[in-house]
């Protein structure tokens, strides 16, 4: 895959909606906020941390 997300960013990035931690979903190239129920896309290795760009997750 061409996307090269630097996983070290997970130590400094937080969800802009919930201020909670994020998990990296390598398969879908997304950062997941379980607390907010959102998945932020990663495009060309850059996380797009805009709530308007996030995908809503199905509730468990």
C-alpha atoms as a PDB file:
ATOM      1  CA  UNK A   1       0.000   0.000   0.000  1.00  0.00           C
ATOM      2  CA  UNK A   2       1.256   3.480  -0.818  1.00  0.00           C
ATOM      3  CA  UNK A   3       0.073   4.892   2.497  1.00  0.00           C
ATOM      4  CA  UNK A   4       2.907   5.131   4.985  1.00  0.00           C
ATOM      5  CA  UNK A   5       1.353   6.230   8.244  1.00  0.00           C
ATOM      6  CA  UNK A   6       3.958   6.794  10.953  1.00  0.00           C
ATOM      7  CA  UNK A   7       2.523   4.951  13.949  1.00  0.00           C
ATOM      8  CA  UNK A   8       4.622   7.066  16.324  1.00  0.00           C
ATOM      9  CA  UNK A   9       1.994   9.772  15.760  1.00  0.00           C
ATOM     10  CA  UNK A  10      -0.458   7.737  17.850  1.00  0.00           C
ATOM     11  CA  UNK A  11       1.417   8.960  20.935  1.00  0.00           C
ATOM     12  CA  UNK A  12       0.556  12.598  20.200  1.00  0.00           C
ATOM     13  CA  UNK A  13      -2.733  12.478  18.278  1.00  0.00           C
ATOM     14  CA  UNK A  14      -6.092  12.493  20.042  1.00  0.00           C
ATOM     15  CA  UNK A  15      -9.638  12.500  18.757  1.00  0.00           C
ATOM     16  CA  UNK A  16     -10.771  16.108  18.223  1.00  0.00           C
ATOM     17  CA  UNK A  17     -14.327  15.196  19.270  1.00  0.00           C
ATOM     18  CA  UNK A  18     -13.775  13.116  22.414  1.00  0.00           C
ATOM     19  CA  UNK A  19     -10.161  14.031  23.270  1.00  0.00           C
ATOM     20  CA  UNK A  20      -9.663  10.281  23.664  1.00  0.00           C
ATOM     21  CA  UNK A  21      -6.999   7.949  22.265  1.00  0.00           C
ATOM     22  CA  UNK A  22      -6.958   6.612  18.723  1.00  0.00           C
ATOM     23  CA  UNK A  23      -6.257   3.137  17.363  1.00  0.00           C
ATOM     24  CA  UNK A  24      -4.697   2.488  13.978  1.00  0.00           C
ATOM     25  CA  UNK A  25      -6.645   0.306  11.532  1.00  0.00           C
ATOM     26  CA  UNK A  26      -3.972  -0.625   8.997  1.00  0.00           C
ATOM     27  CA  UNK A  27      -6.308  -2.559   6.692  1.00  0.00           C
ATOM     28  CA  UNK A  28      -8.724   0.362   6.228  1.00  0.00           C
ATOM     29  CA  UNK A  29      -6.124   3.108   6.668  1.00  0.00           C
ATOM     30  CA  UNK A  30      -8.106   4.829   9.418  1.00  0.00           C
ATOM     31  CA  UNK A  31      -7.615   6.096  12.942  1.00  0.00           C
ATOM     32  CA  UNK A  32     -10.388   4.795  15.171  1.00  0.00           C
ATOM     33  CA  UNK A  33     -11.917   6.656  18.097  1.00  0.00           C
ATOM     34  CA  UNK A  34     -14.003   4.128  20.003  1.00  0.00           C
ATOM     35  CA  UNK A  35     -15.106   6.806  22.466  1.00  0.00           C
ATOM     36  CA  UNK A  36     -16.544   9.066  19.724  1.00  0.00           C
ATOM     37  CA  UNK A  37     -17.564   6.218  17.411  1.00  0.00           C
ATOM     38  CA  UNK A  38     -15.633   7.729  14.504  1.00  0.00           C
ATOM     39  CA  UNK A  39     -13.007   6.578  12.010  1.00  0.00           C
ATOM     40  CA  UNK A  40     -10.703   9.258  10.625  1.00  0.00           C
ATOM     41  CA  UNK A  41      -9.239   8.503   7.178  1.00  0.00           C
ATOM     42  CA  UNK A  42      -5.537   8.424   6.425  1.00  0.00           C
ATOM     43  CA  UNK A  43      -4.693   9.700   2.953  1.00  0.00           C
ATOM     44  CA  UNK A  44      -1.176   9.463   1.557  1.00  0.00           C
ATOM     45  CA  UNK A  45       0.092   8.769   5.069  1.00  0.00           C
ATOM     46  CA  UNK A  46      -1.583  11.878   6.525  1.00  0.00           C
ATOM     47  CA  UNK A  47      -4.391  11.498   9.058  1.00  0.00           C
ATOM     48  CA  UNK A  48      -7.378  13.712   8.237  1.00  0.00           C
ATOM     49  CA  UNK A  49      -8.517  14.738  11.712  1.00  0.00           C
ATOM     50  CA  UNK A  50     -11.611  16.678  10.684  1.00  0.00           C
ATOM     51  CA  UNK A  51     -14.900  15.472  12.196  1.00  0.00           C
ATOM     52  CA  UNK A  52     -16.624  16.291   8.900  1.00  0.00           C
ATOM     53  CA  UNK A  53     -14.315  13.810   7.107  1.00  0.00           C
ATOM     54  CA  UNK A  54     -14.751  11.022   9.690  1.00  0.00           C
ATOM     55  CA  UNK A  55     -16.857   7.939   9.092  1.00  0.00           C
ATOM     56  CA  UNK A  56     -19.374   6.982  11.777  1.00  0.00           C
ATOM     57  CA  UNK A  57     -18.790   3.534  13.201  1.00  0.00           C
ATOM     58  CA  UNK A  58     -21.557   1.022  13.639  1.00  0.00           C
ATOM     59  CA  UNK A  59     -22.554   0.716  17.272  1.00  0.00           C
ATOM     60  CA  UNK A  60     -21.535  -2.523  18.963  1.00  0.00           C
END
